[in-house]
Amino acid sequence: MVGRTIEYKTTREIWGALNKVYQSPSIATMLGLNSQLQRIKKEGITISEYLARIKEVFDKYSAMGEPLSYRDKLMYTLNGLTEEYDGFVTSIYNRSNKPSF
């Protein structure tokens, strides 16, 4: 990064560049969170614990300034449920109004 600062003329430009580099979420972080969401399953834990784990990752996305869309939240939440929740999942897909997160 030091080599790059030479191309900037003011401290404001340097700070702007530093903020852009260090405040934006890295691709590795984003991929890690995606992987985490795909691995969270309801198996062997309560539904409350499952939803808390999912919400924790959603909150991390928001904290990075990259909140997930409603559709993505719904997809990740429903995909981790076990077969015993198939009826519930079907009813959510067929609802006309959106459940809240």
PDB file of N, CA and C in Angstrom:
ATOM      1  N   MET A   1       0.825  -1.192   0.000  1.00  0.00           N
ATOM      2  CA  MET A   1       0.000   0.000   0.000  1.00  0.00           C
ATOM      3  C   MET A   1       0.861   1.244   0.000  1.00  0.00           C
ATOM      4  N   VAL A   2       2.035   1.186   0.629  1.00  0.00           N
ATOM      5  CA  VAL A   2       2.908   2.357   0.697  1.00  0.00           C
ATOM      6  C   VAL A   2       3.297   2.813  -0.698  1.00  0.00           C
ATOM      7  N   GLY A   3       3.617   1.890  -1.566  1.00  0.00           N
ATOM      8  CA  GLY A   3       3.975   2.247  -2.935  1.00  0.00           C
ATOM      9  C   GLY A   3       2.851   2.946  -3.672  1.00  0.00           C
ATOM     10  N   ARG A   4       1.652   2.591  -3.373  1.00  0.00           N
ATOM     11  CA  ARG A   4       0.490   3.202  -4.029  1.00  0.00           C
ATOM     12  C   ARG A   4       0.241   4.630  -3.572  1.00  0.00           C
ATOM     13  N   THR A   5       0.629   4.956  -2.346  1.00  0.00           N
ATOM     14  CA  THR A   5       0.329   6.297  -1.825  1.00  0.00           C
ATOM     15  C   THR A   5       1.088   7.385  -2.561  1.00  0.00           C
ATOM     16  N   ILE A   6       2.151   7.041  -3.253  1.00  0.00           N
ATOM     17  CA  ILE A   6       2.927   8.026  -4.003  1.00  0.00           C
ATOM     18  C   ILE A   6       2.087   8.676  -5.092  1.00  0.00           C
ATOM     19  N   GLU A   7       1.159   7.957  -5.672  1.00  0.00           N
ATOM     20  CA  GLU A   7       0.342   8.516  -6.748  1.00  0.00           C
ATOM     21  C   GLU A   7      -0.698   9.522  -6.262  1.00  0.00           C
ATOM     22  N   TYR A   8      -0.877   9.654  -4.958  1.00  0.00           N
ATOM     23  CA  TYR A   8      -1.843  10.609  -4.410  1.00  0.00           C
ATOM     24  C   TYR A   8      -1.135  11.891  -4.003  1.00  0.00           C
ATOM     25  N   LYS A   9      -1.825  13.004  -4.194  1.00  0.00           N
ATOM     26  CA  LYS A   9      -1.205  14.305  -3.939  1.00  0.00           C
ATOM     27  C   LYS A   9      -1.544  14.884  -2.573  1.00  0.00           C
ATOM     28  N   THR A  10      -2.659  14.499  -2.001  1.00  0.00           N
ATOM     29  CA  THR A  10      -3.066  15.069  -0.717  1.00  0.00           C
ATOM     30  C   THR A  10      -3.286  13.957   0.302  1.00  0.00           C
ATOM     31  N   THR A  11      -3.242  14.355   1.569  1.00  0.00           N
ATOM     32  CA  THR A  11      -3.510  13.363   2.615  1.00  0.00           C
ATOM     33  C   THR A  11      -4.950  12.875   2.538  1.00  0.00           C
ATOM     34  N   ARG A  12      -5.832  13.737   2.081  1.00  0.00           N
ATOM     35  CA  ARG A  12      -7.231  13.328   1.926  1.00  0.00           C
ATOM     36  C   ARG A  12      -7.355  12.191   0.915  1.00  0.00           C
ATOM     37  N   GLU A  13      -6.635  12.303  -0.205  1.00  0.00           N
ATOM     38  CA  GLU A  13      -6.655  11.237  -1.211  1.00  0.00           C
ATOM     39  C   GLU A  13      -6.066   9.939  -0.647  1.00  0.00           C
ATOM     40  N   ILE A  14      -4.996  10.076   0.137  1.00  0.00           N
ATOM     41  CA  ILE A  14      -4.369   8.895   0.738  1.00  0.00           C
ATOM     42  C   ILE A  14      -5.334   8.221   1.708  1.00  0.00           C
ATOM     43  N   TRP A  15      -5.962   9.018   2.584  1.00  0.00           N
ATOM     44  CA  TRP A  15      -6.922   8.451   3.538  1.00  0.00           C
ATOM     45  C   TRP A  15      -8.105   7.818   2.810  1.00  0.00           C
ATOM     46  N   GLY A  16      -8.556   8.455   1.749  1.00  0.00           N
ATOM     47  CA  GLY A  16      -9.657   7.884   0.969  1.00  0.00           C
ATOM     48  C   GLY A  16      -9.286   6.528   0.395  1.00  0.00           C
ATOM     49  N   ALA A  17      -8.065   6.424  -0.133  1.00  0.00           N
ATOM     50  CA  ALA A  17      -7.602   5.156  -0.697  1.00  0.00           C
ATOM     51  C   ALA A  17      -7.459   4.091   0.385  1.00  0.00           C
ATOM     52  N   LEU A  18      -6.901   4.480   1.533  1.00  0.00           N
ATOM     53  CA  LEU A  18      -6.756   3.528   2.639  1.00  0.00           C
ATOM     54  C   LEU A  18      -8.109   3.029   3.130  1.00  0.00           C
ATOM     55  N   ASN A  19      -9.056   3.939   3.263  1.00  0.00           N
ATOM     56  CA  ASN A  19     -10.404   3.537   3.686  1.00  0.00           C
ATOM     57  C   ASN A  19     -11.024   2.573   2.698  1.00  0.00           C
ATOM     58  N   LYS A  20     -10.844   2.859   1.427  1.00  0.00           N
ATOM     59  CA  LYS A  20     -11.433   2.003   0.396  1.00  0.00           C
ATOM     60  C   LYS A  20     -10.855   0.587   0.467  1.00  0.00           C
ATOM     61  N   VAL A  21      -9.551   0.502   0.668  1.00  0.00           N
ATOM     62  CA  VAL A  21      -8.889  -0.809   0.711  1.00  0.00           C
ATOM     63  C   VAL A  21      -9.240  -1.587   1.972  1.00  0.00           C
ATOM     64  N   TYR A  22      -9.190  -0.906   3.121  1.00  0.00           N
ATOM     65  CA  TYR A  22      -9.316  -1.626   4.383  1.00  0.00           C
ATOM     66  C   TYR A  22     -10.727  -1.710   4.935  1.00  0.00           C
ATOM     67  N   GLN A  23     -11.651  -0.910   4.437  1.00  0.00           N
ATOM     68  CA  GLN A  23     -13.017  -0.990   4.939  1.00  0.00           C
ATOM     69  C   GLN A  23     -13.897  -1.893   4.094  1.00  0.00           C
ATOM     70  N   SER A  24     -13.555  -2.091   2.852  1.00  0.00           N
ATOM     71  CA  SER A  24     -14.399  -2.941   2.024  1.00  0.00           C
ATOM     72  C   SER A  24     -14.164  -4.403   2.397  1.00  0.00           C
ATOM     73  N   PRO A  25     -15.230  -5.185   2.402  1.00  0.00           N
ATOM     74  CA  PRO A  25     -15.076  -6.594   2.774  1.00  0.00           C
ATOM     75  C   PRO A  25     -14.257  -7.343   1.730  1.00  0.00           C
ATOM     76  N   SER A  26     -13.386  -8.208   2.184  1.00  0.00           N
ATOM     77  CA  SER A  26     -12.580  -8.974   1.248  1.00  0.00           C
ATOM     78  C   SER A  26     -13.411 -10.105   0.654  1.00  0.00           C
ATOM     79  N   ILE A  27     -12.988 -10.539  -0.495  1.00  0.00           N
ATOM     80  CA  ILE A  27     -13.669 -11.658  -1.155  1.00  0.00           C
ATOM     81  C   ILE A  27     -13.558 -12.908  -0.282  1.00  0.00           C
ATOM     82  N   ALA A  28     -12.400 -13.085   0.355  1.00  0.00           N
ATOM     83  CA  ALA A  28     -12.213 -14.260   1.218  1.00  0.00           C
ATOM     84  C   ALA A  28     -13.211 -14.254   2.372  1.00  0.00           C
ATOM     85  N   THR A  29     -13.436 -13.082   2.962  1.00  0.00           N
ATOM     86  CA  THR A  29     -14.399 -12.980   4.064  1.00  0.00           C
ATOM     87  C   THR A  29     -15.798 -13.310   3.577  1.00  0.00           C
ATOM     88  N   MET A  30     -16.170 -12.762   2.433  1.00  0.00           N
ATOM     89  CA  MET A  30     -17.503 -13.010   1.880  1.00  0.00           C
ATOM     90  C   MET A  30     -17.696 -14.495   1.559  1.00  0.00           C
ATOM     91  N   LEU A  31     -16.690 -15.104   0.946  1.00  0.00           N
ATOM     92  CA  LEU A  31     -16.789 -16.530   0.625  1.00  0.00           C
ATOM     93  C   LEU A  31     -16.852 -17.378   1.894  1.00  0.00           C
ATOM     94  N   GLY A  32     -16.120 -16.955   2.915  1.00  0.00           N
ATOM     95  CA  GLY A  32     -16.162 -17.665   4.193  1.00  0.00           C
ATOM     96  C   GLY A  32     -17.546 -17.625   4.817  1.00  0.00           C
ATOM     97  N   LEU A  33     -18.190 -16.457   4.754  1.00  0.00           N
ATOM     98  CA  LEU A  33     -19.547 -16.341   5.298  1.00  0.00           C
ATOM     99  C   LEU A  33     -20.534 -17.163   4.479  1.00  0.00           C
ATOM    100  N   ASN A  34     -20.378 -17.159   3.157  1.00  0.00           N
ATOM    101  CA  ASN A  34     -21.245 -17.992   2.311  1.00  0.00           C
ATOM    102  C   ASN A  34     -21.100 -19.462   2.686  1.00  0.00           C
ATOM    103  N   SER A  35     -19.868 -19.892   2.859  1.00  0.00           N
ATOM    104  CA  SER A  35     -19.604 -21.277   3.228  1.00  0.00           C
ATOM    105  C   SER A  35     -20.206 -21.606   4.592  1.00  0.00           C
ATOM    106  N   GLN A  36     -20.069 -20.669   5.520  1.00  0.00           N
ATOM    107  CA  GLN A  36     -20.645 -20.857   6.857  1.00  0.00           C
ATOM    108  C   GLN A  36     -22.156 -21.057   6.764  1.00  0.00           C
ATOM    109  N   LEU A  37     -22.819 -20.218   5.986  1.00  0.00           N
ATOM    110  CA  LEU A  37     -24.273 -20.328   5.847  1.00  0.00           C
ATOM    111  C   LEU A  37     -24.684 -21.657   5.231  1.00  0.00           C
ATOM    112  N   GLN A  38     -23.908 -22.142   4.284  1.00  0.00           N
ATOM    113  CA  GLN A  38     -24.243 -23.405   3.635  1.00  0.00           C
ATOM    114  C   GLN A  38     -24.054 -24.599   4.568  1.00  0.00           C
ATOM    115  N   ARG A  39     -23.165 -24.454   5.556  1.00  0.00           N
ATOM    116  CA  ARG A  39     -22.892 -25.563   6.483  1.00  0.00           C
ATOM    117  C   ARG A  39     -23.820 -25.589   7.689  1.00  0.00           C
ATOM    118  N   ILE A  40     -24.484 -24.487   7.993  1.00  0.00           N
ATOM    119  CA  ILE A  40     -25.357 -24.463   9.172  1.00  0.00           C
ATOM    120  C   ILE A  40     -26.595 -25.313   8.887  1.00  0.00           C
ATOM    121  N   LYS A  41     -26.781 -26.321   9.694  1.00  0.00           N
ATOM    122  CA  LYS A  41     -27.926 -27.227   9.560  1.00  0.00           C
ATOM    123  C   LYS A  41     -28.649 -27.302  10.899  1.00  0.00           C
ATOM    124  N   LYS A  42     -29.901 -27.637  10.860  1.00  0.00           N
ATOM    125  CA  LYS A  42     -30.733 -27.724  12.058  1.00  0.00           C
ATOM    126  C   LYS A  42     -30.510 -29.045  12.801  1.00  0.00           C
ATOM    127  N   GLU A  43     -29.706 -29.917  12.264  1.00  0.00           N
ATOM    128  CA  GLU A  43     -29.490 -31.249  12.831  1.00  0.00           C
ATOM    129  C   GLU A  43     -28.872 -31.188  14.225  1.00  0.00           C
ATOM    130  N   GLY A  44     -29.554 -31.777  15.207  1.00  0.00           N
ATOM    131  CA  GLY A  44     -29.016 -31.913  16.548  1.00  0.00           C
ATOM    132  C   GLY A  44     -29.062 -30.670  17.426  1.00  0.00           C
ATOM    133  N   ILE A  45     -29.695 -29.623  16.968  1.00  0.00           N
ATOM    134  CA  ILE A  45     -29.820 -28.405  17.780  1.00  0.00           C
ATOM    135  C   ILE A  45     -31.274 -27.944  17.756  1.00  0.00           C
ATOM    136  N   THR A  46     -31.615 -27.080  18.692  1.00  0.00           N
ATOM    137  CA  THR A  46     -32.991 -26.568  18.721  1.00  0.00           C
ATOM    138  C   THR A  46     -33.199 -25.588  17.572  1.00  0.00           C
ATOM    139  N   ILE A  47     -34.442 -25.352  17.248  1.00  0.00           N
ATOM    140  CA  ILE A  47     -34.754 -24.399  16.182  1.00  0.00           C
ATOM    141  C   ILE A  47     -34.292 -22.998  16.575  1.00  0.00           C
ATOM    142  N   SER A  48     -34.381 -22.670  17.857  1.00  0.00           N
ATOM    143  CA  SER A  48     -33.919 -21.354  18.327  1.00  0.00           C
ATOM    144  C   SER A  48     -32.421 -21.189  18.122  1.00  0.00           C
ATOM    145  N   GLU A  49     -31.679 -22.233  18.450  1.00  0.00           N
ATOM    146  CA  GLU A  49     -30.226 -22.189  18.265  1.00  0.00           C
ATOM    147  C   GLU A  49     -29.878 -22.104  16.777  1.00  0.00           C
ATOM    148  N   TYR A  50     -30.583 -22.866  15.966  1.00  0.00           N
ATOM    149  CA  TYR A  50     -30.371 -22.835  14.518  1.00  0.00           C
ATOM    150  C   TYR A  50     -30.594 -21.426  13.968  1.00  0.00           C
ATOM    151  N   LEU A  51     -31.721 -20.827  14.330  1.00  0.00           N
ATOM    152  CA  LEU A  51     -32.032 -19.481  13.835  1.00  0.00           C
ATOM    153  C   LEU A  51     -31.041 -18.446  14.360  1.00  0.00           C
ATOM    154  N   ALA A  52     -30.568 -18.621  15.585  1.00  0.00           N
ATOM    155  CA  ALA A  52     -29.575 -17.699  16.146  1.00  0.00           C
ATOM    156  C   ALA A  52     -28.262 -17.778  15.366  1.00  0.00           C
ATOM    157  N   ARG A  53     -27.858 -18.983  14.990  1.00  0.00           N
ATOM    158  CA  ARG A  53     -26.620 -19.151  14.206  1.00  0.00           C
ATOM    159  C   ARG A  53     -26.755 -18.502  12.829  1.00  0.00           C
ATOM    160  N   ILE A  54     -27.906 -18.712  12.202  1.00  0.00           N
ATOM    161  CA  ILE A  54     -28.153 -18.111  10.884  1.00  0.00           C
ATOM    162  C   ILE A  54     -28.133 -16.588  11.008  1.00  0.00           C
ATOM    163  N   LYS A  55     -28.838 -16.073  12.004  1.00  0.00           N
ATOM    164  CA  LYS A  55     -28.926 -14.621  12.184  1.00  0.00           C
ATOM    165  C   LYS A  55     -27.562 -14.007  12.467  1.00  0.00           C
ATOM    166  N   GLU A  56     -26.730 -14.721  13.198  1.00  0.00           N
ATOM    167  CA  GLU A  56     -25.381 -14.226  13.498  1.00  0.00           C
ATOM    168  C   GLU A  56     -24.595 -13.962  12.207  1.00  0.00           C
ATOM    169  N   VAL A  57     -24.703 -14.868  11.250  1.00  0.00           N
ATOM    170  CA  VAL A  57     -24.002 -14.680   9.977  1.00  0.00           C
ATOM    171  C   VAL A  57     -24.657 -13.554   9.174  1.00  0.00           C
ATOM    172  N   PHE A  58     -25.979 -13.485   9.170  1.00  0.00           N
ATOM    173  CA  PHE A  58     -26.662 -12.372   8.494  1.00  0.00           C
ATOM    174  C   PHE A  58     -26.176 -11.039   9.054  1.00  0.00           C
ATOM    175  N   ASP A  59     -26.032 -10.974  10.375  1.00  0.00           N
ATOM    176  CA  ASP A  59     -25.574  -9.745  11.027  1.00  0.00           C
ATOM    177  C   ASP A  59     -24.144  -9.391  10.625  1.00  0.00           C
ATOM    178  N   LYS A  60     -23.310 -10.400  10.420  1.00  0.00           N
ATOM    179  CA  LYS A  60     -21.932 -10.146   9.979  1.00  0.00           C
ATOM    180  C   LYS A  60     -21.925  -9.516   8.588  1.00  0.00           C
ATOM    181  N   TYR A  61     -22.786 -10.013   7.703  1.00  0.00           N
ATOM    182  CA  TYR A  61     -22.911  -9.401   6.373  1.00  0.00           C
ATOM    183  C   TYR A  61     -23.315  -7.933   6.503  1.00  0.00           C
ATOM    184  N   SER A  62     -24.301  -7.665   7.328  1.00  0.00           N
ATOM    185  CA  SER A  62     -24.777  -6.289   7.512  1.00  0.00           C
ATOM    186  C   SER A  62     -23.688  -5.401   8.093  1.00  0.00           C
ATOM    187  N   ALA A  63     -22.936  -5.921   9.053  1.00  0.00           N
ATOM    188  CA  ALA A  63     -21.866  -5.145   9.678  1.00  0.00           C
ATOM    189  C   ALA A  63     -20.777  -4.776   8.673  1.00  0.00           C
ATOM    190  N   MET A  64     -20.610  -5.601   7.650  1.00  0.00           N
ATOM    191  CA  MET A  64     -19.623  -5.309   6.610  1.00  0.00           C
ATOM    192  C   MET A  64     -20.177  -4.366   5.547  1.00  0.00           C
ATOM    193  N   GLY A  65     -21.436  -3.985   5.692  1.00  0.00           N
ATOM    194  CA  GLY A  65     -22.041  -3.119   4.686  1.00  0.00           C
ATOM    195  C   GLY A  65     -22.536  -3.873   3.471  1.00  0.00           C
ATOM    196  N   GLU A  66     -22.702  -5.181   3.594  1.00  0.00           N
ATOM    197  CA  GLU A  66     -23.152  -6.035   2.493  1.00  0.00           C
ATOM    198  C   GLU A  66     -24.337  -6.894   2.934  1.00  0.00           C
ATOM    199  N   PRO A  67     -25.438  -6.266   3.356  1.00  0.00           N
ATOM    200  CA  PRO A  67     -26.562  -7.077   3.844  1.00  0.00           C
ATOM    201  C   PRO A  67     -27.125  -7.979   2.747  1.00  0.00           C
ATOM    202  N   LEU A  68     -27.541  -9.162   3.155  1.00  0.00           N
ATOM    203  CA  LEU A  68     -28.136 -10.104   2.203  1.00  0.00           C
ATOM    204  C   LEU A  68     -29.548  -9.660   1.841  1.00  0.00           C
ATOM    205  N   SER A  69     -29.965 -10.034   0.663  1.00  0.00           N
ATOM    206  CA  SER A  69     -31.332  -9.737   0.237  1.00  0.00           C
ATOM    207  C   SER A  69     -32.308 -10.620   1.009  1.00  0.00           C
ATOM    208  N   TYR A  70     -33.549 -10.214   1.016  1.00  0.00           N
ATOM    209  CA  TYR A  70     -34.591 -11.003   1.674  1.00  0.00           C
ATOM    210  C   TYR A  70     -34.618 -12.415   1.090  1.00  0.00           C
ATOM    211  N   ARG A  71     -34.531 -12.507  -0.212  1.00  0.00           N
ATOM    212  CA  ARG A  71     -34.585 -13.807  -0.903  1.00  0.00           C
ATOM    213  C   ARG A  71     -33.436 -14.713  -0.455  1.00  0.00           C
ATOM    214  N   ASP A  72     -32.224 -14.152  -0.351  1.00  0.00           N
ATOM    215  CA  ASP A  72     -31.079 -14.953   0.096  1.00  0.00           C
ATOM    216  C   ASP A  72     -31.260 -15.417   1.540  1.00  0.00           C
ATOM    217  N   LYS A  73     -31.744 -14.523   2.400  1.00  0.00           N
ATOM    218  CA  LYS A  73     -31.984 -14.904   3.798  1.00  0.00           C
ATOM    219  C   LYS A  73     -32.982 -16.049   3.880  1.00  0.00           C
ATOM    220  N   LEU A  74     -34.048 -15.946   3.122  1.00  0.00           N
ATOM    221  CA  LEU A  74     -35.070 -16.989   3.123  1.00  0.00           C
ATOM    222  C   LEU A  74     -34.488 -18.312   2.628  1.00  0.00           C
ATOM    223  N   MET A  75     -33.737 -18.256   1.532  1.00  0.00           N
ATOM    224  CA  MET A  75     -33.157 -19.460   0.951  1.00  0.00           C
ATOM    225  C   MET A  75     -32.210 -20.146   1.938  1.00  0.00           C
ATOM    226  N   TYR A  76     -31.277 -19.383   2.531  1.00  0.00           N
ATOM    227  CA  TYR A  76     -30.328 -19.982   3.473  1.00  0.00           C
ATOM    228  C   TYR A  76     -31.038 -20.545   4.699  1.00  0.00           C
ATOM    229  N   THR A  77     -32.032 -19.830   5.199  1.00  0.00           N
ATOM    230  CA  THR A  77     -32.746 -20.278   6.395  1.00  0.00           C
ATOM    231  C   THR A  77     -33.499 -21.578   6.131  1.00  0.00           C
ATOM    232  N   LEU A  78     -34.203 -21.648   5.032  1.00  0.00           N
ATOM    233  CA  LEU A  78     -35.004 -22.840   4.738  1.00  0.00           C
ATOM    234  C   LEU A  78     -34.155 -24.026   4.294  1.00  0.00           C
ATOM    235  N   ASN A  79     -33.049 -23.767   3.600  1.00  0.00           N
ATOM    236  CA  ASN A  79     -32.216 -24.869   3.104  1.00  0.00           C
ATOM    237  C   ASN A  79     -31.550 -25.677   4.206  1.00  0.00           C
ATOM    238  N   GLY A  80     -31.333 -25.082   5.366  1.00  0.00           N
ATOM    239  CA  GLY A  80     -30.671 -25.799   6.451  1.00  0.00           C
ATOM    240  C   GLY A  80     -31.600 -26.605   7.333  1.00  0.00           C
ATOM    241  N   LEU A  81     -32.889 -26.512   7.075  1.00  0.00           N
ATOM    242  CA  LEU A  81     -33.856 -27.250   7.895  1.00  0.00           C
ATOM    243  C   LEU A  81     -33.877 -28.728   7.513  1.00  0.00           C
ATOM    244  N   THR A  82     -34.190 -29.573   8.473  1.00  0.00           N
ATOM    245  CA  THR A  82     -34.251 -31.014   8.234  1.00  0.00           C
ATOM    246  C   THR A  82     -35.604 -31.391   7.625  1.00  0.00           C
ATOM    247  N   GLU A  83     -35.725 -32.660   7.248  1.00  0.00           N
ATOM    248  CA  GLU A  83     -36.943 -33.154   6.596  1.00  0.00           C
ATOM    249  C   GLU A  83     -38.193 -32.972   7.444  1.00  0.00           C
ATOM    250  N   GLU A  84     -38.038 -32.985   8.756  1.00  0.00           N
ATOM    251  CA  GLU A  84     -39.211 -32.821   9.616  1.00  0.00           C
ATOM    252  C   GLU A  84     -39.873 -31.457   9.411  1.00  0.00           C
ATOM    253  N   TYR A  85     -39.177 -30.534   8.778  1.00  0.00           N
ATOM    254  CA  TYR A  85     -39.720 -29.195   8.523  1.00  0.00           C
ATOM    255  C   TYR A  85     -40.202 -29.023   7.080  1.00  0.00           C
ATOM    256  N   ASP A  86     -40.262 -30.097   6.304  1.00  0.00           N
ATOM    257  CA  ASP A  86     -40.679 -29.999   4.900  1.00  0.00           C
ATOM    258  C   ASP A  86     -42.049 -29.346   4.737  1.00  0.00           C
ATOM    259  N   GLY A  87     -43.001 -29.699   5.579  1.00  0.00           N
ATOM    260  CA  GLY A  87     -44.334 -29.091   5.506  1.00  0.00           C
ATOM    261  C   GLY A  87     -44.277 -27.598   5.756  1.00  0.00           C
ATOM    262  N   PHE A  88     -43.467 -27.206   6.723  1.00  0.00           N
ATOM    263  CA  PHE A  88     -43.289 -25.788   7.031  1.00  0.00           C
ATOM    264  C   PHE A  88     -42.660 -25.056   5.847  1.00  0.00           C
ATOM    265  N   VAL A  89     -41.626 -25.650   5.275  1.00  0.00           N
ATOM    266  CA  VAL A  89     -40.937 -25.036   4.128  1.00  0.00           C
ATOM    267  C   VAL A  89     -41.908 -24.851   2.973  1.00  0.00           C
ATOM    268  N   THR A  90     -42.705 -25.862   2.696  1.00  0.00           N
ATOM    269  CA  THR A  90     -43.695 -25.765   1.623  1.00  0.00           C
ATOM    270  C   THR A  90     -44.683 -24.645   1.898  1.00  0.00           C
ATOM    271  N   SER A  91     -45.132 -24.531   3.130  1.00  0.00           N
ATOM    272  CA  SER A  91     -46.099 -23.475   3.450  1.00  0.00           C
ATOM    273  C   SER A  91     -45.477 -22.086   3.303  1.00  0.00           C
ATOM    274  N   ILE A  92     -44.201 -21.947   3.625  1.00  0.00           N
ATOM    275  CA  ILE A  92     -43.524 -20.652   3.450  1.00  0.00           C
ATOM    276  C   ILE A  92     -43.432 -20.310   1.968  1.00  0.00           C
ATOM    277  N   TYR A  93     -43.068 -21.284   1.150  1.00  0.00           N
ATOM    278  CA  TYR A  93     -42.971 -21.042  -0.296  1.00  0.00           C
ATOM    279  C   TYR A  93     -44.314 -20.641  -0.897  1.00  0.00           C
ATOM    280  N   ASN A  94     -45.401 -21.139  -0.322  1.00  0.00           N
ATOM    281  CA  ASN A  94     -46.727 -20.863  -0.877  1.00  0.00           C
ATOM    282  C   ASN A  94     -47.422 -19.658  -0.262  1.00  0.00           C
ATOM    283  N   ARG A  95     -46.797 -19.005   0.701  1.00  0.00           N
ATOM    284  CA  ARG A  95     -47.400 -17.828   1.350  1.00  0.00           C
ATOM    285  C   ARG A  95     -47.430 -16.645   0.399  1.00  0.00           C
ATOM    286  N   SER A  96     -48.444 -15.822   0.556  1.00  0.00           N
ATOM    287  CA  SER A  96     -48.495 -14.599  -0.245  1.00  0.00           C
ATOM    288  C   SER A  96     -47.774 -13.454   0.461  1.00  0.00           C
ATOM    289  N   ASN A  97     -47.735 -13.485   1.793  1.00  0.00           N
ATOM    290  CA  ASN A  97     -47.004 -12.441   2.522  1.00  0.00           C
ATOM    291  C   ASN A  97     -45.665 -12.999   3.011  1.00  0.00           C
ATOM    292  N   LYS A  98     -44.707 -12.116   3.200  1.00  0.00           N
ATOM    293  CA  LYS A  98     -43.358 -12.528   3.570  1.00  0.00           C
ATOM    294  C   LYS A  98     -43.209 -12.673   5.082  1.00  0.00           C
ATOM    295  N   PRO A  99     -42.603 -13.777   5.527  1.00  0.00           N
ATOM    296  CA  PRO A  99     -42.264 -13.854   6.951  1.00  0.00           C
ATOM    297  C   PRO A  99     -41.122 -12.883   7.236  1.00  0.00           C
ATOM    298  N   SER A 100     -41.043 -12.380   8.452  1.00  0.00           N
ATOM    299  CA  SER A 100     -39.985 -11.412   8.769  1.00  0.00           C
ATOM    300  C   SER A 100     -38.773 -12.117   9.358  1.00  0.00           C
ATOM    301  N   PHE A 101     -37.646 -11.442   9.258  1.00  0.00           N
ATOM    302  CA  PHE A 101     -36.405 -11.983   9.822  1.00  0.00           C
ATOM    303  C   PHE A 101     -36.069 -11.195  11.034  1.00  0.00           C
TER     304      PHE A 101
END
